[in-house]
């Protein structure tokens, strides 16, 4: 993919994220891994007016070319995930309502629904709180993410990752849906959590989902 196409994809993804109700105003940020580092949405970007040329190209060490806008304040977090996970090529961070409610309660999302498998884990963890935009938060998020594709950020929001921007956005959307389902189940006494055995069967079934016979 060319850099121009990647920039356009990030702008489209940011608008898709907001249109899906995963944030308000200029909250949230997205990035894509590149050969030289990453492309990331700029700080304070408004999805309706963001242009592809305004997306920031930078190294994972934080070096950006002269004349660019400032990158998202959460660039440390995106970079930390790319450093820790060579298999991840896209990161989405948002303040979606139900995921943030659970994050503020420091409550992980258990396997209350089988679709949690999309996050690559049986429980979506909560990263310990750290101030936004800091290296402390970056380390906390990367550590909580582990080998999964999603985690909550205590008193903050959620972060989702994937091999592509489409996958990362799909994970973020599913995490929000799972958070809403879990929150709703708690209101009526709590959901029944799927066993590890049940989740192993789900992951096996997911491995062949959408494939065609030769």
N, C-alpha and C. Protein backbone atom coordinates (compact mmCIF):
# COMPACT_ATOMS: atom_id res chain seq x y z
N UNK A 1 0.84 -1.19 0.00
CA UNK A 1 0.00 0.00 0.00
C UNK A 1 0.88 1.25 0.00
N UNK A 2 0.54 2.22 -0.84
CA UNK A 2 1.30 3.47 -0.87
C UNK A 2 1.00 4.30 0.36
N UNK A 3 1.90 5.24 0.67
CA UNK A 3 1.68 6.11 1.82
C UNK A 3 0.42 6.95 1.62
N UNK A 4 0.19 7.39 0.39
CA UNK A 4 -1.01 8.18 0.11
C UNK A 4 -2.28 7.41 0.40
N UNK A 5 -2.31 6.14 0.00
CA UNK A 5 -3.48 5.30 0.26
C UNK A 5 -3.66 5.06 1.75
N UNK A 6 -2.54 4.85 2.45
CA UNK A 6 -2.61 4.62 3.89
C UNK A 6 -3.14 5.86 4.61
N UNK A 7 -2.71 7.04 4.19
CA UNK A 7 -3.21 8.27 4.78
C UNK A 7 -4.72 8.39 4.58
N UNK A 8 -5.17 8.12 3.37
CA UNK A 8 -6.61 8.19 3.07
C UNK A 8 -7.39 7.17 3.89
N UNK A 9 -6.82 5.99 4.06
CA UNK A 9 -7.48 4.95 4.86
C UNK A 9 -7.63 5.38 6.31
N UNK A 10 -6.62 6.04 6.85
CA UNK A 10 -6.70 6.51 8.24
C UNK A 10 -7.79 7.56 8.41
N UNK A 11 -7.89 8.48 7.46
CA UNK A 11 -8.94 9.50 7.52
C UNK A 11 -10.31 8.84 7.45
N UNK A 12 -10.48 7.92 6.51
CA UNK A 12 -11.75 7.21 6.37
C UNK A 12 -12.06 6.39 7.62
N UNK A 13 -11.03 5.76 8.19
CA UNK A 13 -11.22 4.97 9.40
C UNK A 13 -11.61 5.82 10.59
N UNK A 14 -11.03 7.01 10.70
CA UNK A 14 -11.36 7.93 11.79
C UNK A 14 -12.83 8.34 11.69
N UNK A 15 -13.26 8.66 10.48
CA UNK A 15 -14.66 9.05 10.29
C UNK A 15 -15.59 7.88 10.56
N UNK A 16 -15.19 6.69 10.14
CA UNK A 16 -15.99 5.49 10.39
C UNK A 16 -16.12 5.25 11.89
N UNK A 17 -15.03 5.41 12.61
CA UNK A 17 -15.03 5.22 14.05
C UNK A 17 -16.01 6.15 14.74
N UNK A 18 -15.99 7.42 14.34
CA UNK A 18 -16.89 8.40 14.95
C UNK A 18 -18.34 8.18 14.52
N UNK A 19 -18.54 7.83 13.26
CA UNK A 19 -19.90 7.58 12.77
C UNK A 19 -20.53 6.40 13.48
N UNK A 20 -19.70 5.45 13.91
CA UNK A 20 -20.20 4.27 14.61
C UNK A 20 -20.47 4.55 16.09
N UNK A 21 -20.20 5.78 16.53
CA UNK A 21 -20.48 6.14 17.91
C UNK A 21 -19.40 5.75 18.89
N UNK A 22 -18.18 5.55 18.42
CA UNK A 22 -17.10 5.15 19.31
C UNK A 22 -16.37 6.33 19.94
N UNK A 23 -16.86 7.53 19.71
CA UNK A 23 -16.24 8.70 20.31
C UNK A 23 -17.04 9.94 20.01
N UNK A 24 -16.63 11.04 20.61
CA UNK A 24 -17.27 12.34 20.37
C UNK A 24 -16.20 13.39 20.14
N UNK A 25 -16.57 14.46 19.45
CA UNK A 25 -15.64 15.56 19.23
C UNK A 25 -14.40 15.10 18.49
N UNK A 26 -13.25 15.39 19.06
CA UNK A 26 -11.97 15.00 18.44
C UNK A 26 -11.26 13.93 19.26
N UNK A 27 -12.03 13.19 20.05
CA UNK A 27 -11.41 12.15 20.89
C UNK A 27 -10.98 10.96 20.05
N UNK A 28 -10.03 10.22 20.56
CA UNK A 28 -9.58 9.01 19.87
C UNK A 28 -8.49 9.28 18.85
N UNK A 29 -7.83 8.21 18.44
CA UNK A 29 -6.74 8.30 17.46
C UNK A 29 -6.51 6.94 16.83
N UNK A 30 -5.95 6.96 15.62
CA UNK A 30 -5.69 5.75 14.85
C UNK A 30 -4.29 5.82 14.26
N UNK A 31 -3.70 4.66 14.02
CA UNK A 31 -2.39 4.64 13.38
C UNK A 31 -2.24 3.39 12.53
N UNK A 32 -1.28 3.47 11.62
CA UNK A 32 -0.89 2.35 10.76
C UNK A 32 0.62 2.22 10.78
N UNK A 33 1.11 1.00 10.89
CA UNK A 33 2.55 0.77 10.82
C UNK A 33 3.03 1.01 9.38
N UNK A 34 4.23 1.58 9.25
CA UNK A 34 4.87 1.76 7.95
C UNK A 34 6.29 1.20 8.01
N UNK A 35 6.95 1.16 6.88
CA UNK A 35 8.32 0.65 6.84
C UNK A 35 9.26 1.51 7.68
N UNK A 36 8.94 2.80 7.82
CA UNK A 36 9.81 3.72 8.55
C UNK A 36 9.27 4.08 9.93
N UNK A 37 8.16 3.49 10.32
CA UNK A 37 7.59 3.81 11.63
C UNK A 37 6.09 3.66 11.62
N UNK A 38 5.39 4.82 11.62
CA UNK A 38 3.93 4.77 11.58
C UNK A 38 3.35 6.07 11.04
N UNK A 39 2.12 5.96 10.59
CA UNK A 39 1.28 7.11 10.28
C UNK A 39 0.24 7.20 11.38
N UNK A 40 -0.01 8.40 11.90
CA UNK A 40 -0.94 8.55 13.02
C UNK A 40 -1.74 9.84 12.86
N UNK A 41 -2.97 9.83 13.32
CA UNK A 41 -3.79 11.04 13.24
C UNK A 41 -3.18 12.13 14.13
N UNK A 42 -3.31 13.39 13.71
CA UNK A 42 -2.72 14.48 14.48
C UNK A 42 -3.51 14.80 15.74
N UNK A 43 -2.88 15.48 16.66
CA UNK A 43 -3.56 15.86 17.90
C UNK A 43 -4.70 16.83 17.61
N UNK A 44 -5.81 16.65 18.31
CA UNK A 44 -6.95 17.54 18.17
C UNK A 44 -7.64 17.48 16.84
N UNK A 45 -7.45 16.40 16.08
CA UNK A 45 -8.03 16.31 14.74
C UNK A 45 -9.54 16.19 14.80
N UNK A 46 -10.23 16.95 13.95
CA UNK A 46 -11.68 16.85 13.80
C UNK A 46 -11.97 15.93 12.63
N UNK A 47 -12.71 14.85 12.82
CA UNK A 47 -12.91 13.88 11.74
C UNK A 47 -13.54 14.46 10.49
N UNK A 48 -14.42 15.44 10.65
CA UNK A 48 -15.12 15.98 9.49
C UNK A 48 -14.21 16.78 8.57
N UNK A 49 -13.16 17.36 9.13
CA UNK A 49 -12.29 18.24 8.35
C UNK A 49 -10.88 17.70 8.15
N UNK A 50 -10.55 16.59 8.78
CA UNK A 50 -9.20 16.03 8.64
C UNK A 50 -8.91 15.66 7.19
N UNK A 51 -7.73 16.04 6.71
CA UNK A 51 -7.30 15.71 5.35
C UNK A 51 -6.14 14.72 5.39
N UNK A 52 -6.02 13.93 4.34
CA UNK A 52 -4.97 12.91 4.29
C UNK A 52 -3.58 13.52 4.47
N UNK A 53 -3.35 14.71 3.92
CA UNK A 53 -2.03 15.34 4.01
C UNK A 53 -1.68 15.74 5.45
N UNK A 54 -2.70 15.82 6.33
CA UNK A 54 -2.46 16.22 7.72
C UNK A 54 -2.08 15.05 8.62
N UNK A 55 -2.25 13.83 8.13
CA UNK A 55 -1.84 12.66 8.90
C UNK A 55 -0.32 12.73 9.10
N UNK A 56 0.15 12.40 10.28
CA UNK A 56 1.56 12.57 10.64
C UNK A 56 2.36 11.29 10.39
N UNK A 57 3.47 11.43 9.67
CA UNK A 57 4.42 10.33 9.47
C UNK A 57 5.55 10.49 10.48
N UNK A 58 5.84 9.44 11.23
CA UNK A 58 6.88 9.54 12.26
C UNK A 58 7.52 8.19 12.52
N UNK A 59 8.68 8.24 13.16
CA UNK A 59 9.35 7.00 13.55
C UNK A 59 8.74 6.50 14.86
N UNK A 60 8.99 5.25 15.20
CA UNK A 60 8.48 4.72 16.46
C UNK A 60 9.20 5.32 17.66
N UNK A 61 10.32 5.99 17.40
CA UNK A 61 11.05 6.68 18.47
C UNK A 61 10.52 8.09 18.68
N UNK A 62 9.58 8.52 17.84
CA UNK A 62 8.96 9.83 18.04
C UNK A 62 9.46 10.93 17.14
N UNK A 63 10.29 10.60 16.16
CA UNK A 63 10.81 11.63 15.26
C UNK A 63 9.84 11.84 14.10
N UNK A 64 9.42 13.09 13.91
CA UNK A 64 8.52 13.44 12.81
C UNK A 64 9.19 14.50 11.95
N UNK A 65 8.88 14.49 10.67
CA UNK A 65 9.47 15.45 9.75
C UNK A 65 9.01 16.88 10.04
N UNK A 66 9.84 17.84 9.67
CA UNK A 66 9.51 19.25 9.87
C UNK A 66 8.29 19.63 9.05
N UNK A 67 7.53 20.58 9.57
CA UNK A 67 6.39 21.11 8.83
C UNK A 67 5.10 20.32 8.99
N UNK A 68 5.14 19.24 9.76
CA UNK A 68 3.93 18.46 9.99
C UNK A 68 3.17 18.97 11.21
N UNK A 69 1.92 18.59 11.32
CA UNK A 69 1.16 18.84 12.53
C UNK A 69 1.73 17.98 13.66
N UNK A 70 1.38 18.32 14.89
CA UNK A 70 1.81 17.49 16.01
C UNK A 70 1.03 16.17 15.99
N UNK A 71 1.70 15.06 16.27
CA UNK A 71 0.99 13.78 16.30
C UNK A 71 0.07 13.70 17.51
N UNK A 72 -0.84 12.75 17.49
CA UNK A 72 -1.69 12.50 18.64
C UNK A 72 -0.86 12.42 19.91
N UNK A 73 -1.41 12.94 21.00
CA UNK A 73 -0.70 12.88 22.28
C UNK A 73 -0.47 11.44 22.73
N UNK A 74 -1.20 10.50 22.14
CA UNK A 74 -1.06 9.10 22.52
C UNK A 74 -0.09 8.32 21.62
N UNK A 75 0.79 9.03 20.91
CA UNK A 75 1.68 8.34 19.98
C UNK A 75 2.59 7.34 20.71
N UNK A 76 2.96 7.65 21.97
CA UNK A 76 3.79 6.72 22.73
C UNK A 76 3.10 5.35 22.84
N UNK A 77 1.79 5.37 23.07
CA UNK A 77 1.04 4.13 23.24
C UNK A 77 1.01 3.32 21.95
N UNK A 78 0.76 3.98 20.84
CA UNK A 78 0.76 3.30 19.55
C UNK A 78 2.14 2.69 19.28
N UNK A 79 3.19 3.49 19.49
CA UNK A 79 4.55 3.02 19.23
C UNK A 79 4.91 1.84 20.11
N UNK A 80 4.52 1.90 21.39
CA UNK A 80 4.84 0.81 22.32
C UNK A 80 4.22 -0.50 21.86
N UNK A 81 3.01 -0.42 21.32
CA UNK A 81 2.34 -1.64 20.84
C UNK A 81 3.06 -2.18 19.60
N UNK A 82 3.47 -1.30 18.70
CA UNK A 82 4.20 -1.76 17.51
C UNK A 82 5.54 -2.38 17.89
N UNK A 83 6.22 -1.80 18.87
CA UNK A 83 7.49 -2.36 19.32
C UNK A 83 7.28 -3.76 19.90
N UNK A 84 6.22 -3.90 20.71
CA UNK A 84 5.98 -5.16 21.42
C UNK A 84 5.37 -6.25 20.54
N UNK A 85 4.65 -5.83 19.49
CA UNK A 85 3.89 -6.78 18.69
C UNK A 85 4.20 -6.62 17.20
N UNK A 86 5.19 -7.33 16.69
CA UNK A 86 5.52 -7.24 15.26
C UNK A 86 4.38 -7.67 14.35
N UNK A 87 3.42 -8.43 14.88
CA UNK A 87 2.29 -8.90 14.08
C UNK A 87 1.19 -7.87 13.92
N UNK A 88 1.26 -6.78 14.68
CA UNK A 88 0.22 -5.75 14.66
C UNK A 88 0.61 -4.63 13.69
N UNK A 89 -0.32 -4.27 12.81
CA UNK A 89 -0.07 -3.22 11.81
C UNK A 89 -1.00 -2.02 11.95
N UNK A 90 -1.99 -2.10 12.85
CA UNK A 90 -2.93 -0.99 13.01
C UNK A 90 -3.40 -0.94 14.46
N UNK A 91 -3.56 0.28 14.96
CA UNK A 91 -4.02 0.49 16.34
C UNK A 91 -5.12 1.54 16.34
N UNK A 92 -6.18 1.26 17.08
CA UNK A 92 -7.31 2.18 17.22
C UNK A 92 -7.53 2.44 18.71
N UNK A 93 -7.60 3.70 19.09
CA UNK A 93 -7.89 4.07 20.48
C UNK A 93 -9.12 4.96 20.49
N UNK A 94 -10.08 4.63 21.35
CA UNK A 94 -11.30 5.45 21.42
C UNK A 94 -11.86 5.46 22.84
N UNK A 95 -12.82 6.35 23.05
CA UNK A 95 -13.48 6.50 24.35
C UNK A 95 -14.94 6.08 24.22
N UNK A 96 -15.18 4.92 23.64
CA UNK A 96 -16.56 4.46 23.45
C UNK A 96 -17.25 4.30 24.81
N UNK A 97 -18.55 4.57 24.83
CA UNK A 97 -19.27 4.75 26.10
C UNK A 97 -19.19 3.55 27.05
N UNK A 98 -19.65 2.39 26.60
CA UNK A 98 -19.75 1.26 27.53
C UNK A 98 -18.38 0.70 27.90
N UNK A 99 -17.47 0.68 26.96
CA UNK A 99 -16.11 0.24 27.29
C UNK A 99 -15.49 1.18 28.32
N UNK A 100 -15.77 2.47 28.19
CA UNK A 100 -15.23 3.45 29.13
C UNK A 100 -15.89 3.33 30.50
N UNK A 101 -17.19 3.03 30.53
CA UNK A 101 -17.87 2.80 31.81
C UNK A 101 -17.16 1.68 32.58
N UNK A 102 -16.93 0.56 31.89
CA UNK A 102 -16.26 -0.56 32.55
C UNK A 102 -14.82 -0.21 32.91
N UNK A 103 -14.15 0.55 32.04
CA UNK A 103 -12.77 0.97 32.33
C UNK A 103 -12.72 1.84 33.58
N UNK A 104 -13.73 2.69 33.76
CA UNK A 104 -13.78 3.56 34.94
C UNK A 104 -14.07 2.77 36.21
N UNK A 105 -14.69 1.60 36.05
CA UNK A 105 -14.95 0.72 37.19
C UNK A 105 -13.83 -0.29 37.39
N UNK A 106 -12.80 -0.22 36.53
CA UNK A 106 -11.68 -1.18 36.55
C UNK A 106 -12.21 -2.61 36.47
N UNK A 107 -13.18 -2.81 35.60
CA UNK A 107 -13.83 -4.12 35.48
C UNK A 107 -13.51 -4.73 34.12
N UNK A 108 -12.74 -5.81 34.07
CA UNK A 108 -12.46 -6.47 32.79
C UNK A 108 -13.73 -7.08 32.21
N UNK A 109 -13.72 -7.34 30.91
CA UNK A 109 -14.87 -7.95 30.24
C UNK A 109 -14.61 -9.45 30.13
N UNK A 110 -15.41 -10.28 30.79
CA UNK A 110 -15.22 -11.73 30.71
C UNK A 110 -15.90 -12.31 29.47
N UNK A 111 -15.81 -13.61 29.33
CA UNK A 111 -16.40 -14.29 28.16
C UNK A 111 -17.90 -14.47 28.36
N UNK A 112 -18.59 -13.33 28.43
CA UNK A 112 -20.05 -13.37 28.59
C UNK A 112 -20.73 -13.67 27.26
N UNK A 113 -20.00 -13.48 26.16
CA UNK A 113 -20.51 -13.78 24.81
C UNK A 113 -19.33 -14.34 24.01
N UNK A 114 -19.64 -15.31 23.15
CA UNK A 114 -18.55 -15.97 22.42
C UNK A 114 -17.77 -15.05 21.49
N UNK A 115 -18.36 -13.92 21.09
CA UNK A 115 -17.66 -13.02 20.17
C UNK A 115 -16.44 -12.35 20.79
N UNK A 116 -16.23 -12.57 22.08
CA UNK A 116 -15.00 -12.05 22.69
C UNK A 116 -13.77 -12.66 22.02
N UNK A 117 -13.97 -13.77 21.33
CA UNK A 117 -12.86 -14.43 20.63
C UNK A 117 -12.21 -13.51 19.60
N UNK A 118 -12.96 -12.53 19.09
CA UNK A 118 -12.38 -11.61 18.10
C UNK A 118 -11.23 -10.81 18.71
N UNK A 119 -11.24 -10.66 20.04
CA UNK A 119 -10.17 -9.93 20.72
C UNK A 119 -8.98 -10.82 21.03
N UNK A 120 -9.08 -12.11 20.69
CA UNK A 120 -7.95 -13.01 20.88
C UNK A 120 -7.71 -13.45 22.31
N UNK A 121 -8.68 -13.19 23.19
CA UNK A 121 -8.54 -13.52 24.61
C UNK A 121 -9.87 -14.03 25.15
N UNK A 122 -9.83 -14.65 26.34
CA UNK A 122 -11.06 -15.07 27.02
C UNK A 122 -11.56 -14.00 27.98
N UNK A 123 -10.75 -13.01 28.23
CA UNK A 123 -11.14 -11.88 29.08
C UNK A 123 -10.37 -10.65 28.62
N UNK A 124 -11.09 -9.57 28.39
CA UNK A 124 -10.45 -8.31 27.97
C UNK A 124 -10.00 -7.58 29.23
N UNK A 125 -8.68 -7.44 29.43
CA UNK A 125 -8.17 -6.89 30.68
C UNK A 125 -8.25 -5.36 30.74
N UNK A 126 -7.98 -4.85 31.94
CA UNK A 126 -7.92 -3.41 32.16
C UNK A 126 -6.48 -3.02 32.46
N UNK A 127 -5.92 -2.15 31.65
CA UNK A 127 -4.56 -1.65 31.91
C UNK A 127 -4.60 -0.70 33.10
N UNK A 128 -3.66 -0.80 34.04
CA UNK A 128 -3.62 0.11 35.18
C UNK A 128 -3.57 1.58 34.73
N UNK A 129 -4.18 2.44 35.52
CA UNK A 129 -4.27 3.86 35.15
C UNK A 129 -2.90 4.53 35.09
N UNK A 130 -2.75 5.39 34.10
CA UNK A 130 -1.62 6.31 34.00
C UNK A 130 -2.11 7.52 33.22
N UNK A 131 -1.50 8.66 33.42
CA UNK A 131 -1.92 9.89 32.75
C UNK A 131 -1.84 9.75 31.24
N UNK A 132 -2.83 10.30 30.55
CA UNK A 132 -2.86 10.21 29.09
C UNK A 132 -1.61 10.83 28.48
N UNK A 133 -1.18 10.25 27.37
CA UNK A 133 -0.06 10.80 26.63
C UNK A 133 1.31 10.52 27.21
N UNK A 134 1.38 9.71 28.26
CA UNK A 134 2.67 9.46 28.91
C UNK A 134 3.25 8.11 28.51
N UNK A 135 4.56 7.97 28.72
CA UNK A 135 5.20 6.69 28.48
C UNK A 135 4.71 5.65 29.48
N UNK A 136 4.30 6.12 30.66
CA UNK A 136 3.75 5.20 31.66
C UNK A 136 2.49 4.54 31.14
N UNK A 137 1.62 5.32 30.50
CA UNK A 137 0.40 4.75 29.93
C UNK A 137 0.74 3.82 28.77
N UNK A 138 1.73 4.20 27.97
CA UNK A 138 2.15 3.36 26.85
C UNK A 138 2.57 1.98 27.34
N UNK A 139 3.39 1.94 28.39
CA UNK A 139 3.84 0.67 28.94
C UNK A 139 2.71 -0.13 29.55
N UNK A 140 1.80 0.58 30.22
CA UNK A 140 0.65 -0.08 30.83
C UNK A 140 -0.23 -0.72 29.78
N UNK A 141 -0.50 0.01 28.70
CA UNK A 141 -1.37 -0.49 27.64
C UNK A 141 -0.74 -1.67 26.91
N UNK A 142 0.53 -1.54 26.54
CA UNK A 142 1.20 -2.63 25.83
C UNK A 142 1.28 -3.88 26.69
N UNK A 143 1.50 -3.69 27.99
CA UNK A 143 1.56 -4.83 28.89
C UNK A 143 0.23 -5.53 29.04
N UNK A 144 -0.84 -4.75 29.18
CA UNK A 144 -2.18 -5.34 29.32
C UNK A 144 -2.62 -6.01 28.04
N UNK A 145 -2.27 -5.42 26.90
CA UNK A 145 -2.66 -6.01 25.62
C UNK A 145 -2.05 -7.39 25.46
N UNK A 146 -0.81 -7.54 25.89
CA UNK A 146 -0.16 -8.84 25.79
C UNK A 146 -0.18 -9.37 24.37
N UNK A 147 -0.67 -10.60 24.20
CA UNK A 147 -0.79 -11.20 22.87
C UNK A 147 -2.21 -11.12 22.34
N UNK A 148 -3.06 -10.35 23.02
CA UNK A 148 -4.44 -10.16 22.57
C UNK A 148 -4.56 -9.02 21.57
N UNK A 149 -5.80 -8.66 21.27
CA UNK A 149 -6.05 -7.58 20.33
C UNK A 149 -6.86 -6.43 20.93
N UNK A 150 -7.10 -6.47 22.24
CA UNK A 150 -7.86 -5.39 22.86
C UNK A 150 -7.62 -5.35 24.36
N UNK A 151 -7.70 -4.15 24.91
CA UNK A 151 -7.73 -4.00 26.36
C UNK A 151 -8.44 -2.69 26.68
N UNK A 152 -8.91 -2.60 27.91
CA UNK A 152 -9.47 -1.36 28.41
C UNK A 152 -8.35 -0.58 29.10
N UNK A 153 -8.50 0.74 29.12
CA UNK A 153 -7.54 1.61 29.79
C UNK A 153 -8.25 2.23 30.98
N UNK A 154 -7.79 1.93 32.19
CA UNK A 154 -8.48 2.36 33.40
C UNK A 154 -8.78 3.86 33.38
N UNK A 155 -10.05 4.19 33.68
CA UNK A 155 -10.49 5.59 33.76
C UNK A 155 -10.21 6.37 32.48
N UNK A 156 -10.29 5.68 31.34
CA UNK A 156 -9.88 6.33 30.09
C UNK A 156 -10.70 5.86 28.89
N UNK A 157 -10.56 4.59 28.47
CA UNK A 157 -11.25 4.15 27.26
C UNK A 157 -10.81 2.75 26.87
N UNK A 158 -10.67 2.52 25.57
CA UNK A 158 -10.25 1.20 25.09
C UNK A 158 -9.22 1.35 23.97
N UNK A 159 -8.48 0.28 23.75
CA UNK A 159 -7.56 0.25 22.63
C UNK A 159 -7.70 -1.10 21.92
N UNK A 160 -7.68 -1.06 20.59
CA UNK A 160 -7.84 -2.26 19.78
C UNK A 160 -6.74 -2.30 18.73
N UNK A 161 -6.33 -3.50 18.37
CA UNK A 161 -5.23 -3.66 17.42
C UNK A 161 -5.54 -4.77 16.44
N UNK A 162 -4.87 -4.73 15.29
CA UNK A 162 -5.11 -5.76 14.29
C UNK A 162 -4.02 -5.81 13.25
N UNK A 163 -4.10 -6.81 12.39
CA UNK A 163 -3.14 -6.92 11.30
C UNK A 163 -3.44 -5.89 10.22
N UNK A 164 -4.65 -5.33 10.25
CA UNK A 164 -5.05 -4.30 9.29
C UNK A 164 -5.93 -3.29 10.02
N UNK A 165 -6.13 -2.14 9.39
CA UNK A 165 -7.00 -1.13 9.99
C UNK A 165 -8.44 -1.64 10.07
N UNK A 166 -8.87 -2.36 9.06
CA UNK A 166 -10.23 -2.93 9.09
C UNK A 166 -10.40 -3.85 10.29
N UNK A 167 -9.40 -4.69 10.55
CA UNK A 167 -9.51 -5.59 11.69
C UNK A 167 -9.51 -4.83 13.01
N UNK A 168 -8.63 -3.85 13.15
CA UNK A 168 -8.57 -3.07 14.39
C UNK A 168 -9.89 -2.35 14.65
N UNK A 169 -10.49 -1.79 13.62
CA UNK A 169 -11.79 -1.13 13.77
C UNK A 169 -12.87 -2.13 14.15
N UNK A 170 -12.84 -3.31 13.52
CA UNK A 170 -13.82 -4.35 13.84
C UNK A 170 -13.69 -4.79 15.29
N UNK A 171 -12.46 -4.90 15.78
CA UNK A 171 -12.24 -5.27 17.17
C UNK A 171 -12.79 -4.19 18.10
N UNK A 172 -12.50 -2.92 17.80
CA UNK A 172 -12.99 -1.82 18.63
C UNK A 172 -14.52 -1.81 18.69
N UNK A 173 -15.16 -2.02 17.56
CA UNK A 173 -16.62 -2.07 17.52
C UNK A 173 -17.15 -3.24 18.35
N UNK A 174 -16.51 -4.39 18.24
CA UNK A 174 -16.97 -5.57 18.98
C UNK A 174 -16.73 -5.40 20.48
N UNK A 175 -15.61 -4.80 20.85
CA UNK A 175 -15.35 -4.55 22.27
C UNK A 175 -16.44 -3.67 22.87
N UNK A 176 -16.85 -2.65 22.14
CA UNK A 176 -17.92 -1.78 22.64
C UNK A 176 -19.23 -2.55 22.77
N UNK A 177 -19.54 -3.41 21.80
CA UNK A 177 -20.76 -4.22 21.88
C UNK A 177 -20.68 -5.19 23.06
N UNK A 178 -19.54 -5.83 23.25
CA UNK A 178 -19.36 -6.74 24.38
C UNK A 178 -19.49 -6.00 25.71
N UNK A 179 -18.94 -4.79 25.77
CA UNK A 179 -19.04 -3.99 26.99
C UNK A 179 -20.49 -3.67 27.31
N UNK A 180 -21.26 -3.32 26.27
CA UNK A 180 -22.68 -3.02 26.47
C UNK A 180 -23.44 -4.26 26.94
N UNK A 181 -23.15 -5.40 26.34
CA UNK A 181 -23.80 -6.66 26.73
C UNK A 181 -23.47 -7.00 28.18
N UNK A 182 -22.20 -6.89 28.53
CA UNK A 182 -21.79 -7.22 29.90
C UNK A 182 -22.41 -6.25 30.90
N UNK A 183 -22.37 -4.97 30.59
CA UNK A 183 -22.98 -3.95 31.46
C UNK A 183 -24.46 -4.25 31.66
N UNK A 184 -25.16 -4.59 30.57
CA UNK A 184 -26.57 -4.92 30.67
C UNK A 184 -26.82 -6.17 31.50
N UNK A 185 -25.95 -7.17 31.34
CA UNK A 185 -26.13 -8.41 32.11
C UNK A 185 -25.93 -8.16 33.61
N UNK A 186 -25.02 -7.25 33.95
CA UNK A 186 -24.81 -6.92 35.36
C UNK A 186 -26.05 -6.29 35.98
N UNK A 187 -26.82 -5.58 35.16
CA UNK A 187 -28.02 -4.91 35.67
C UNK A 187 -29.12 -5.90 36.04
N UNK A 188 -29.04 -7.13 35.52
CA UNK A 188 -30.06 -8.13 35.83
C UNK A 188 -29.46 -9.33 36.56
N UNK A 189 -28.40 -9.07 37.29
CA UNK A 189 -27.85 -10.11 38.15
C UNK A 189 -26.55 -10.73 37.68
N UNK A 190 -26.10 -10.36 36.48
CA UNK A 190 -24.82 -10.87 35.99
C UNK A 190 -24.98 -11.97 34.97
N UNK A 191 -24.14 -11.95 33.95
CA UNK A 191 -24.20 -12.97 32.91
C UNK A 191 -23.51 -14.25 33.33
N UNK A 192 -23.80 -15.32 32.62
CA UNK A 192 -23.14 -16.60 32.84
C UNK A 192 -21.92 -16.68 31.92
N UNK A 193 -20.76 -16.86 32.49
CA UNK A 193 -19.50 -16.78 31.75
C UNK A 193 -19.19 -18.11 31.08
N UNK A 194 -18.79 -18.05 29.82
CA UNK A 194 -18.42 -19.25 29.08
C UNK A 194 -17.14 -19.86 29.65
N UNK A 195 -17.08 -21.17 29.64
CA UNK A 195 -15.91 -21.88 30.17
C UNK A 195 -14.73 -21.79 29.20
N UNK A 196 -13.54 -22.11 29.69
CA UNK A 196 -12.36 -22.15 28.83
C UNK A 196 -12.54 -23.18 27.72
N UNK A 197 -13.18 -24.29 28.04
CA UNK A 197 -13.43 -25.33 27.04
C UNK A 197 -14.34 -24.81 25.93
N UNK A 198 -15.38 -24.10 26.32
CA UNK A 198 -16.30 -23.53 25.33
C UNK A 198 -15.58 -22.53 24.44
N UNK A 199 -14.71 -21.72 25.04
CA UNK A 199 -13.98 -20.72 24.25
C UNK A 199 -12.96 -21.38 23.33
N UNK A 200 -12.38 -22.49 23.73
CA UNK A 200 -11.46 -23.21 22.84
C UNK A 200 -12.20 -23.70 21.60
N UNK A 201 -13.43 -24.16 21.78
CA UNK A 201 -14.23 -24.60 20.65
C UNK A 201 -14.55 -23.43 19.73
N UNK A 202 -14.84 -22.27 20.32
CA UNK A 202 -15.13 -21.08 19.53
C UNK A 202 -13.91 -20.69 18.69
N UNK A 203 -12.73 -20.67 19.30
CA UNK A 203 -11.53 -20.30 18.57
C UNK A 203 -11.24 -21.26 17.42
N UNK A 204 -11.49 -22.54 17.67
CA UNK A 204 -11.32 -23.54 16.61
C UNK A 204 -12.28 -23.27 15.46
N UNK A 205 -13.53 -22.96 15.80
CA UNK A 205 -14.53 -22.67 14.77
C UNK A 205 -14.18 -21.39 14.02
N UNK A 206 -13.68 -20.38 14.75
CA UNK A 206 -13.29 -19.12 14.11
C UNK A 206 -12.15 -19.32 13.12
N UNK A 207 -11.27 -20.27 13.40
CA UNK A 207 -10.10 -20.48 12.54
C UNK A 207 -10.50 -20.85 11.12
N UNK A 208 -11.65 -21.48 10.95
CA UNK A 208 -12.10 -21.87 9.62
C UNK A 208 -13.22 -21.02 9.08
N UNK A 209 -13.59 -19.97 9.83
CA UNK A 209 -14.73 -19.14 9.42
C UNK A 209 -14.40 -18.34 8.16
N UNK A 210 -15.29 -18.39 7.19
CA UNK A 210 -15.13 -17.60 5.98
C UNK A 210 -14.21 -18.21 4.94
N UNK A 211 -13.64 -19.39 5.23
CA UNK A 211 -12.75 -20.03 4.26
C UNK A 211 -13.56 -20.85 3.26
N UNK A 212 -12.98 -21.07 2.11
CA UNK A 212 -13.64 -21.83 1.05
C UNK A 212 -12.98 -23.19 0.88
N UNK A 213 -13.76 -24.16 0.39
CA UNK A 213 -13.19 -25.46 0.05
C UNK A 213 -12.36 -25.33 -1.22
N UNK A 214 -11.30 -26.11 -1.31
CA UNK A 214 -10.48 -26.12 -2.53
C UNK A 214 -11.26 -26.73 -3.68
